[in-house]
Amino acid sequence: MAGFRALAEQVRDPRLVTVRRRTALRKCLERFAPYGHRATWHHLCTRAGFTTHEREPDPARLVAALAELEEARALWLAYEEEFAARRRREKHHGIRQPGTLDEWHRRTWGGCDIVPCVSAQRHPAARLSEVLRRMIAAMEAGRPRRDCPVCGGTRFAWAPGPGGCPAAGPACRECGVLAPASMLTPEALHTAAGVPGAETFAAA
């Protein structure tokens, strides 16, 4: 099975037919998909300027989408290296009890569903790398917050975790991100729990 880099080379290879290059890009998301497979694909297609079902998009647009994905992946791999180094230092000093950041990282290991979205059509508009930077910074800050770590919105709805949704939790009604519950204040969680939200995102 081809790895991410081999698939990326196929996306850039002008000798391959466009359909195969598109397929290679889609397979890249099996290795790295920050929003989940469907939402990440929708995000990349939207930003690069082709539709999710377009069979033969402009190859230049495929390469542009790949470039955004690679930029985010490089940032995430660097973060994982830093995280592993920190854990080694902590264990050396006898700190073995995992914290909130460790639990979040454990669930996102491998680069899929790092910033899950309730709907494939509702996701942040910013570049993937910028969204990852914001989420990582918010988690490392270790302080509960009332707003979305990605867009700063203060309205949340509790998503019950239907089929296709990574997990139940508070979803931002502005950008569609499912925020880690440990990141929000009790007040924000209480408000989210009292607002029906799954159908809101599905209909948006």
Protein backbone atom coordinates (compact mmCIF):
# COMPACT_ATOMS: atom_id res chain seq x y z
CA MET A 1 0.00 0.00 0.00
CA ALA A 2 1.42 3.36 -1.05
CA GLY A 3 2.28 5.88 1.66
CA PHE A 4 1.42 9.56 1.74
CA ARG A 5 4.58 10.71 -0.04
CA ALA A 6 4.23 8.16 -2.84
CA LEU A 7 0.64 9.21 -3.38
CA ALA A 8 1.64 12.88 -3.38
CA GLU A 9 4.15 12.15 -6.13
CA GLN A 10 1.35 10.61 -8.19
CA VAL A 11 -0.78 13.73 -7.75
CA ARG A 12 2.07 15.83 -9.15
CA ASP A 13 3.04 13.43 -11.94
CA PRO A 14 2.04 15.03 -15.30
CA ARG A 15 2.45 11.68 -17.04
CA LEU A 16 -0.58 10.27 -15.25
CA VAL A 17 -4.13 10.84 -16.41
CA THR A 18 -6.10 13.36 -14.37
CA VAL A 19 -8.51 10.76 -12.98
CA ARG A 20 -5.64 8.79 -11.48
CA ARG A 21 -4.08 11.93 -10.02
CA ARG A 22 -7.41 12.82 -8.42
CA THR A 23 -7.68 9.29 -6.98
CA ALA A 24 -4.20 9.60 -5.52
CA LEU A 25 -5.16 12.86 -3.80
CA ARG A 26 -8.27 11.22 -2.36
CA LYS A 27 -6.15 8.34 -1.06
CA CYS A 28 -3.84 10.83 0.66
CA LEU A 29 -6.77 11.50 2.99
CA GLU A 30 -6.65 7.89 4.17
CA ARG A 31 -3.28 8.83 5.70
CA PHE A 32 -4.00 12.38 6.84
CA ALA A 33 -7.42 14.02 7.16
CA PRO A 34 -7.61 16.67 9.92
CA TYR A 35 -11.39 17.18 9.60
CA GLY A 36 -12.17 13.55 8.85
CA HIS A 37 -12.11 12.12 5.32
CA ARG A 38 -15.30 13.63 3.83
CA ALA A 39 -15.00 17.06 5.44
CA THR A 40 -11.31 17.38 4.55
CA TRP A 41 -12.05 16.42 0.94
CA HIS A 42 -14.87 18.96 0.74
CA HIS A 43 -12.59 21.62 2.24
CA LEU A 44 -9.75 20.97 -0.22
CA CYS A 45 -12.05 20.88 -3.23
CA THR A 46 -13.77 24.11 -2.20
CA ARG A 47 -10.55 26.01 -1.61
CA ALA A 48 -8.87 24.71 -4.77
CA GLY A 49 -11.88 25.50 -6.95
CA PHE A 50 -13.33 22.17 -8.09
CA THR A 51 -16.32 20.12 -6.98
CA THR A 52 -16.15 17.01 -4.85
CA HIS A 53 -17.60 14.86 -7.65
CA GLU A 54 -15.62 16.36 -10.51
CA ARG A 55 -13.80 13.46 -12.18
CA GLU A 56 -11.20 15.43 -14.15
CA PRO A 57 -10.47 18.75 -12.45
CA ASP A 58 -7.69 21.00 -13.64
CA PRO A 59 -4.43 19.25 -12.57
CA ALA A 60 -3.11 22.58 -11.26
CA ARG A 61 -6.05 22.69 -8.85
CA LEU A 62 -5.26 19.17 -7.66
CA VAL A 63 -1.68 20.21 -6.97
CA ALA A 64 -2.89 23.30 -5.10
CA ALA A 65 -5.12 21.16 -2.91
CA LEU A 66 -2.23 18.78 -2.25
CA ALA A 67 0.05 21.68 -1.30
CA GLU A 68 -2.41 22.80 1.39
CA LEU A 69 -2.71 19.26 2.71
CA GLU A 70 1.07 18.78 2.78
CA GLU A 71 1.57 22.08 4.60
CA ALA A 72 -0.84 20.99 7.33
CA ARG A 73 0.70 17.52 7.52
CA ALA A 74 4.22 18.95 7.95
CA LEU A 75 2.98 21.11 10.82
CA TRP A 76 1.26 18.14 12.45
CA LEU A 77 4.28 15.84 12.13
CA ALA A 78 6.47 18.51 13.73
CA TYR A 79 3.97 18.81 16.57
CA GLU A 80 3.93 15.03 17.09
CA GLU A 81 7.73 15.03 17.35
CA GLU A 82 7.64 17.83 19.92
CA PHE A 83 4.88 16.05 21.83
CA ALA A 84 6.84 12.78 21.96
CA ALA A 85 9.95 14.61 23.18
CA ARG A 86 7.95 16.33 25.93
CA ARG A 87 6.46 13.06 27.12
CA ARG A 88 9.92 11.50 27.30
CA ARG A 89 11.11 14.38 29.45
CA GLU A 90 8.07 14.14 31.71
CA LYS A 91 8.49 10.40 32.19
CA HIS A 92 12.15 10.94 32.97
CA HIS A 93 11.06 13.26 35.78
CA GLY A 94 8.45 10.81 37.05
CA ILE A 95 5.37 12.48 35.51
CA ARG A 96 3.48 9.49 34.15
CA GLN A 97 -0.15 10.45 34.67
CA PRO A 98 -1.50 11.57 31.29
CA GLY A 99 -3.16 14.98 31.18
CA THR A 100 -5.85 16.48 29.00
CA LEU A 101 -3.41 17.23 26.19
CA ASP A 102 -2.19 13.63 26.24
CA GLU A 103 -5.74 12.29 25.97
CA TRP A 104 -6.52 14.59 23.04
CA HIS A 105 -3.29 13.61 21.30
CA ARG A 106 -4.00 9.91 21.82
CA ARG A 107 -7.34 10.27 20.03
CA THR A 108 -5.79 12.17 17.14
CA TRP A 109 -2.67 10.03 16.68
CA GLY A 110 -2.01 9.44 13.01
CA GLY A 111 -3.54 12.68 11.78
CA CYS A 112 -7.21 11.81 11.26
CA ASP A 113 -10.07 13.65 12.95
CA ILE A 114 -7.70 16.08 14.65
CA VAL A 115 -10.32 18.80 14.31
CA PRO A 116 -13.47 16.78 13.53
CA CYS A 117 -16.46 18.50 11.97
CA VAL A 118 -20.08 17.55 12.51
CA SER A 119 -20.92 17.87 8.82
CA ALA A 120 -18.83 17.29 5.71
CA GLN A 121 -20.13 20.60 4.35
CA ARG A 122 -19.46 22.67 7.50
CA HIS A 123 -15.81 23.30 8.27
CA PRO A 124 -13.52 26.29 8.89
CA ALA A 125 -12.70 28.46 5.89
CA ALA A 126 -9.07 29.09 6.90
CA ARG A 127 -6.17 27.01 5.61
CA LEU A 128 -5.78 23.65 7.28
CA SER A 129 -2.40 24.57 8.74
CA GLU A 130 -3.80 27.71 10.38
CA VAL A 131 -6.69 25.75 11.92
CA LEU A 132 -4.26 23.17 13.30
CA ARG A 133 -2.05 25.91 14.77
CA ARG A 134 -5.04 27.42 16.56
CA MET A 135 -6.22 24.08 17.95
CA ILE A 136 -2.74 23.04 19.11
CA ALA A 137 -2.16 26.42 20.77
CA ALA A 138 -5.53 26.21 22.55
CA MET A 139 -4.85 22.70 23.84
CA GLU A 140 -1.34 23.53 25.00
CA ALA A 141 -2.62 26.62 26.82
CA GLY A 142 -4.49 24.26 29.13
CA ARG A 143 -7.13 26.83 30.11
CA PRO A 144 -10.86 26.17 29.64
CA ARG A 145 -12.42 28.74 27.35
CA ARG A 146 -15.87 30.02 26.45
CA ASP A 147 -15.17 30.39 22.74
CA CYS A 148 -14.28 28.13 19.83
CA PRO A 149 -10.50 27.58 19.62
CA VAL A 150 -10.67 27.78 15.82
CA CYS A 151 -12.97 30.70 14.94
CA GLY A 152 -13.69 32.38 18.28
CA GLY A 153 -17.44 31.78 18.06
CA THR A 154 -19.31 31.53 21.34
CA ARG A 155 -22.36 29.54 20.24
CA PHE A 156 -22.22 25.77 20.62
CA ALA A 157 -24.68 22.96 20.04
CA TRP A 158 -24.33 19.46 21.42
CA ALA A 159 -23.84 16.98 18.59
CA PRO A 160 -25.10 13.50 19.59
CA GLY A 161 -22.61 11.66 17.38
CA PRO A 162 -24.73 10.08 14.62
CA GLY A 163 -23.26 7.82 11.95
CA GLY A 164 -20.35 9.53 10.25
CA CYS A 165 -19.66 11.89 13.16
CA PRO A 166 -16.45 11.05 15.07
CA ALA A 167 -17.92 11.51 18.53
CA ALA A 168 -20.52 13.31 20.57
CA GLY A 169 -19.62 16.72 21.91
CA PRO A 170 -19.96 20.50 21.70
CA ALA A 171 -19.93 21.71 18.10
CA CYS A 172 -19.29 25.33 17.14
CA ARG A 173 -22.34 26.76 15.39
CA GLU A 174 -20.12 29.15 13.42
CA CYS A 175 -17.46 26.89 11.85
CA GLY A 176 -18.81 23.38 12.55
CA VAL A 177 -15.81 22.16 14.55
CA LEU A 178 -16.41 19.61 17.26
CA ALA A 179 -14.37 21.03 20.15
CA PRO A 180 -12.87 18.82 22.87
CA ALA A 181 -15.18 19.09 25.87
CA SER A 182 -12.14 19.45 28.16
CA MET A 183 -11.28 22.69 26.38
CA LEU A 184 -14.51 24.51 27.24
CA THR A 185 -15.74 26.05 30.46
CA PRO A 186 -18.65 24.44 32.35
CA GLU A 187 -20.83 27.37 31.29
CA ALA A 188 -20.09 26.81 27.60
CA LEU A 189 -20.78 23.08 27.97
CA HIS A 190 -24.03 23.74 29.80
CA THR A 191 -25.21 26.09 27.07
CA ALA A 192 -24.26 23.61 24.34
CA ALA A 193 -26.07 20.76 26.05
CA GLY A 194 -29.26 22.78 26.06
CA VAL A 195 -29.26 23.58 22.34
CA PRO A 196 -30.36 21.00 19.75
CA GLY A 197 -27.62 21.04 17.15
CA ALA A 198 -27.19 17.99 14.95
CA GLU A 199 -29.99 18.92 12.60
CA THR A 200 -28.72 22.50 12.45
CA PHE A 201 -25.41 21.40 10.96
CA ALA A 202 -26.92 18.83 8.66
CA ALA A 203 -29.20 21.43 7.14
CA ALA A 204 -26.56 24.15 6.79
